[in-house]
Amino acid sequence: MKVIFLDMDGVLNRSSKQAIDLDLVQNFKGILSQVDVKVVLASTWRQNPGNIQFIKTNVCDISDCTPVIQVEGFDDTQLRGLCIAAWLKQHPEVERYAVIDDAAWMLENQLPNFFRTNGAEGLTPEIAEKVVRHLR
């Protein structure tokens, strides 16, 4: 199984306005059209069922969400690598994965699978193509 861990803000939108930019969604759908992959939501959006439904309706099916890990003094974004590691530990069937995020809080062993977006630009066609090549 192949997985994309998806952040929303700074990936499928250019601000944290709880909306999406259609051109960025098209870039993401381009990945999905080329690779058989499950999408796991790693964004803070996963903590709101309304947001999950919005993504399912307007972007793609969400197979699962990473767990929410709480550590005093750290916010959810800073713990994203730990949340992804926890999810992967529960899913040994994952053969390959990609993390698409604008924040760099990944664990060292996740860096080869990490595709960082610029929050002001979101998921560019160039980054989307790199993700496709990585997952193939």
C-alpha atoms as a PDB file:
ATOM      1  CA  MET A   1       0.000   0.000   0.000  1.00  0.00           C
ATOM      2  CA  LYS A   2       1.133   3.531  -0.794  1.00  0.00           C
ATOM      3  CA  VAL A   3       0.082   6.494   1.335  1.00  0.00           C
ATOM      4  CA  ILE A   4       0.123  10.277   1.141  1.00  0.00           C
ATOM      5  CA  PHE A   5       0.072  12.098   4.464  1.00  0.00           C
ATOM      6  CA  LEU A   6      -1.697  15.324   3.598  1.00  0.00           C
ATOM      7  CA  ASP A   7      -1.542  18.695   5.296  1.00  0.00           C
ATOM      8  CA  MET A   8      -4.057  21.313   4.156  1.00  0.00           C
ATOM      9  CA  ASP A   9      -2.954  24.839   5.098  1.00  0.00           C
ATOM     10  CA  GLY A  10      -0.053  25.854   2.893  1.00  0.00           C
ATOM     11  CA  VAL A  11      -0.582  22.795   0.674  1.00  0.00           C
ATOM     12  CA  LEU A  12      -4.104  22.985  -0.763  1.00  0.00           C
ATOM     13  CA  ASN A  13      -4.618  26.601   0.229  1.00  0.00           C
ATOM     14  CA  ARG A  14      -2.339  29.599   0.391  1.00  0.00           C
ATOM     15  CA  SER A  15      -3.462  30.728   3.834  1.00  0.00           C
ATOM     16  CA  SER A  16      -5.073  29.227   6.908  1.00  0.00           C
ATOM     17  CA  LYS A  17      -8.515  30.446   5.912  1.00  0.00           C
ATOM     18  CA  GLN A  18     -10.142  27.002   6.217  1.00  0.00           C
ATOM     19  CA  ALA A  19     -10.832  26.931   2.475  1.00  0.00           C
ATOM     20  CA  ILE A  20      -9.081  25.517  -0.566  1.00  0.00           C
ATOM     21  CA  ASP A  21      -7.583  26.933  -3.746  1.00  0.00           C
ATOM     22  CA  LEU A  22      -8.965  25.052  -6.738  1.00  0.00           C
ATOM     23  CA  ASP A  23      -5.736  25.169  -8.748  1.00  0.00           C
ATOM     24  CA  LEU A  24      -3.870  23.540  -5.857  1.00  0.00           C
ATOM     25  CA  VAL A  25      -6.573  20.882  -5.530  1.00  0.00           C
ATOM     26  CA  GLN A  26      -6.139  20.136  -9.239  1.00  0.00           C
ATOM     27  CA  ASN A  27      -2.392  19.701  -8.685  1.00  0.00           C
ATOM     28  CA  PHE A  28      -3.173  17.202  -5.905  1.00  0.00           C
ATOM     29  CA  LYS A  29      -5.755  15.368  -7.998  1.00  0.00           C
ATOM     30  CA  GLY A  30      -3.087  15.067 -10.679  1.00  0.00           C
ATOM     31  CA  ILE A  31      -1.053  12.987  -8.227  1.00  0.00           C
ATOM     32  CA  LEU A  32      -4.070  10.810  -7.423  1.00  0.00           C
ATOM     33  CA  SER A  33      -4.752  10.222 -11.123  1.00  0.00           C
ATOM     34  CA  GLN A  34      -1.238   8.841 -11.636  1.00  0.00           C
ATOM     35  CA  VAL A  35      -0.620   6.779  -8.508  1.00  0.00           C
ATOM     36  CA  ASP A  36      -2.782   4.265  -6.641  1.00  0.00           C
ATOM     37  CA  VAL A  37      -2.513   5.725  -3.148  1.00  0.00           C
ATOM     38  CA  LYS A  38      -4.467   6.107   0.085  1.00  0.00           C
ATOM     39  CA  VAL A  39      -4.759   9.597   1.565  1.00  0.00           C
ATOM     40  CA  VAL A  40      -4.246   9.991   5.309  1.00  0.00           C
ATOM     41  CA  LEU A  41      -5.059  13.395   6.728  1.00  0.00           C
ATOM     42  CA  ALA A  42      -2.239  14.715   8.927  1.00  0.00           C
ATOM     43  CA  SER A  43      -3.479  18.307   9.038  1.00  0.00           C
ATOM     44  CA  THR A  44      -4.968  19.996  12.095  1.00  0.00           C
ATOM     45  CA  TRP A  45      -8.149  19.914   9.981  1.00  0.00           C
ATOM     46  CA  ARG A  46      -8.493  16.246  11.065  1.00  0.00           C
ATOM     47  CA  GLN A  47      -9.698  17.377  14.480  1.00  0.00           C
ATOM     48  CA  ASN A  48     -12.970  18.731  13.051  1.00  0.00           C
ATOM     49  CA  PRO A  49     -15.450  16.261  11.499  1.00  0.00           C
ATOM     50  CA  GLY A  50     -16.913  19.081   9.387  1.00  0.00           C
ATOM     51  CA  ASN A  51     -13.509  19.729   7.845  1.00  0.00           C
ATOM     52  CA  ILE A  52     -13.029  16.042   7.067  1.00  0.00           C
ATOM     53  CA  GLN A  53     -16.388  15.959   5.315  1.00  0.00           C
ATOM     54  CA  PHE A  54     -15.490  19.139   3.406  1.00  0.00           C
ATOM     55  CA  ILE A  55     -12.286  17.488   2.152  1.00  0.00           C
ATOM     56  CA  LYS A  56     -14.121  14.295   1.191  1.00  0.00           C
ATOM     57  CA  THR A  57     -16.679  16.330  -0.752  1.00  0.00           C
ATOM     58  CA  ASN A  58     -14.322  18.819  -2.411  1.00  0.00           C
ATOM     59  CA  VAL A  59     -10.894  17.187  -2.670  1.00  0.00           C
ATOM     60  CA  CYS A  60     -10.694  13.401  -2.311  1.00  0.00           C
ATOM     61  CA  ASP A  61     -11.577  10.436  -0.172  1.00  0.00           C
ATOM     62  CA  ILE A  62      -9.754  10.349   3.148  1.00  0.00           C
ATOM     63  CA  SER A  63      -8.785   6.809   4.125  1.00  0.00           C
ATOM     64  CA  ASP A  64      -7.788   7.711   7.668  1.00  0.00           C
ATOM     65  CA  CYS A  65      -6.342  10.406   9.915  1.00  0.00           C
ATOM     66  CA  THR A  66      -3.157  10.386  11.925  1.00  0.00           C
ATOM     67  CA  PRO A  67      -3.665  10.211  15.682  1.00  0.00           C
ATOM     68  CA  VAL A  68      -3.613  13.389  17.729  1.00  0.00           C
ATOM     69  CA  ILE A  69      -0.631  13.345  20.062  1.00  0.00           C
ATOM     70  CA  GLN A  70      -0.459  15.923  22.818  1.00  0.00           C
ATOM     71  CA  VAL A  71       2.768  16.969  24.500  1.00  0.00           C
ATOM     72  CA  GLU A  72       2.838  19.965  26.811  1.00  0.00           C
ATOM     73  CA  GLY A  73       4.605  22.910  25.220  1.00  0.00           C
ATOM     74  CA  PHE A  74       4.198  21.667  21.626  1.00  0.00           C
ATOM     75  CA  ASP A  75       1.385  22.259  19.176  1.00  0.00           C
ATOM     76  CA  ASP A  76      -0.032  19.683  16.792  1.00  0.00           C
ATOM     77  CA  THR A  77       2.013  20.920  13.830  1.00  0.00           C
ATOM     78  CA  GLN A  78       5.268  20.504  15.764  1.00  0.00           C
ATOM     79  CA  LEU A  79       4.316  16.908  16.549  1.00  0.00           C
ATOM     80  CA  ARG A  80       3.332  15.981  12.995  1.00  0.00           C
ATOM     81  CA  GLY A  81       6.310  13.635  12.524  1.00  0.00           C
ATOM     82  CA  LEU A  82       5.407  11.773  15.717  1.00  0.00           C
ATOM     83  CA  CYS A  83       1.775  11.478  14.605  1.00  0.00           C
ATOM     84  CA  ILE A  84       2.870  10.053  11.247  1.00  0.00           C
ATOM     85  CA  ALA A  85       5.271   7.622  12.940  1.00  0.00           C
ATOM     86  CA  ALA A  86       2.483   6.426  15.245  1.00  0.00           C
ATOM     87  CA  TRP A  87       0.179   5.846  12.276  1.00  0.00           C
ATOM     88  CA  LEU A  88       2.864   3.984  10.319  1.00  0.00           C
ATOM     89  CA  LYS A  89       3.594   1.748  13.316  1.00  0.00           C
ATOM     90  CA  GLN A  90      -0.040   0.624  13.240  1.00  0.00           C
ATOM     91  CA  HIS A  91       0.074  -0.007   9.463  1.00  0.00           C
ATOM     92  CA  PRO A  92       3.064  -2.210   8.595  1.00  0.00           C
ATOM     93  CA  GLU A  93       1.504  -2.895   5.185  1.00  0.00           C
ATOM     94  CA  VAL A  94       2.680   0.529   3.947  1.00  0.00           C
ATOM     95  CA  GLU A  95       5.387  -0.021   1.322  1.00  0.00           C
ATOM     96  CA  ARG A  96       5.948   3.603   0.365  1.00  0.00           C
ATOM     97  CA  TYR A  97       4.682   6.972   1.525  1.00  0.00           C
ATOM     98  CA  ALA A  98       4.950  10.688   0.926  1.00  0.00           C
ATOM     99  CA  VAL A  99       4.347  13.558   3.338  1.00  0.00           C
ATOM    100  CA  ILE A 100       3.159  16.808   1.759  1.00  0.00           C
ATOM    101  CA  ASP A 101       3.364  19.668   4.241  1.00  0.00           C
ATOM    102  CA  ASP A 102       4.538  23.258   4.554  1.00  0.00           C
ATOM    103  CA  ALA A 103       5.921  22.732   8.069  1.00  0.00           C
ATOM    104  CA  ALA A 104       9.215  20.918   8.578  1.00  0.00           C
ATOM    105  CA  TRP A 105       8.511  19.080  11.837  1.00  0.00           C
ATOM    106  CA  MET A 106       9.337  15.633  10.459  1.00  0.00           C
ATOM    107  CA  LEU A 107      11.471  12.952  12.028  1.00  0.00           C
ATOM    108  CA  GLU A 108      14.885  12.386  10.463  1.00  0.00           C
ATOM    109  CA  ASN A 109      13.917   9.001   8.993  1.00  0.00           C
ATOM    110  CA  GLN A 110      10.868  10.624   7.329  1.00  0.00           C
ATOM    111  CA  LEU A 111      12.864  13.265   5.430  1.00  0.00           C
ATOM    112  CA  PRO A 112      13.390  11.138   2.264  1.00  0.00           C
ATOM    113  CA  ASN A 113       9.586  10.935   2.021  1.00  0.00           C
ATOM    114  CA  PHE A 114       8.934  14.604   2.812  1.00  0.00           C
ATOM    115  CA  PHE A 115       7.850  17.124   0.184  1.00  0.00           C
ATOM    116  CA  ARG A 116       7.772  20.611   1.613  1.00  0.00           C
ATOM    117  CA  THR A 117       5.590  23.271   0.096  1.00  0.00           C
ATOM    118  CA  ASN A 118       5.953  27.005   0.505  1.00  0.00           C
ATOM    119  CA  GLY A 119       2.837  28.087   2.399  1.00  0.00           C
ATOM    120  CA  ALA A 120       2.397  31.134   0.171  1.00  0.00           C
ATOM    121  CA  GLU A 121       2.471  28.982  -2.990  1.00  0.00           C
ATOM    122  CA  GLY A 122       0.989  25.669  -1.903  1.00  0.00           C
ATOM    123  CA  LEU A 123       1.358  22.447  -3.881  1.00  0.00           C
ATOM    124  CA  THR A 124       3.014  23.429  -7.144  1.00  0.00           C
ATOM    125  CA  PRO A 125       2.983  21.244 -10.274  1.00  0.00           C
ATOM    126  CA  GLU A 126       6.734  20.710  -9.770  1.00  0.00           C
ATOM    127  CA  ILE A 127       6.306  19.350  -6.245  1.00  0.00           C
ATOM    128  CA  ALA A 128       3.342  17.243  -7.371  1.00  0.00           C
ATOM    129  CA  GLU A 129       5.508  15.658 -10.077  1.00  0.00           C
ATOM    130  CA  LYS A 130       8.254  14.892  -7.532  1.00  0.00           C
ATOM    131  CA  VAL A 131       5.654  13.148  -5.332  1.00  0.00           C
ATOM    132  CA  VAL A 132       4.470  11.065  -8.288  1.00  0.00           C
ATOM    133  CA  ARG A 133       8.029  10.001  -9.156  1.00  0.00           C
ATOM    134  CA  HIS A 134       8.704   9.143  -5.503  1.00  0.00           C
ATOM    135  CA  LEU A 135       5.591   7.010  -5.117  1.00  0.00           C
ATOM    136  CA  ARG A 136       6.124   5.127  -8.367  1.00  0.00           C
END
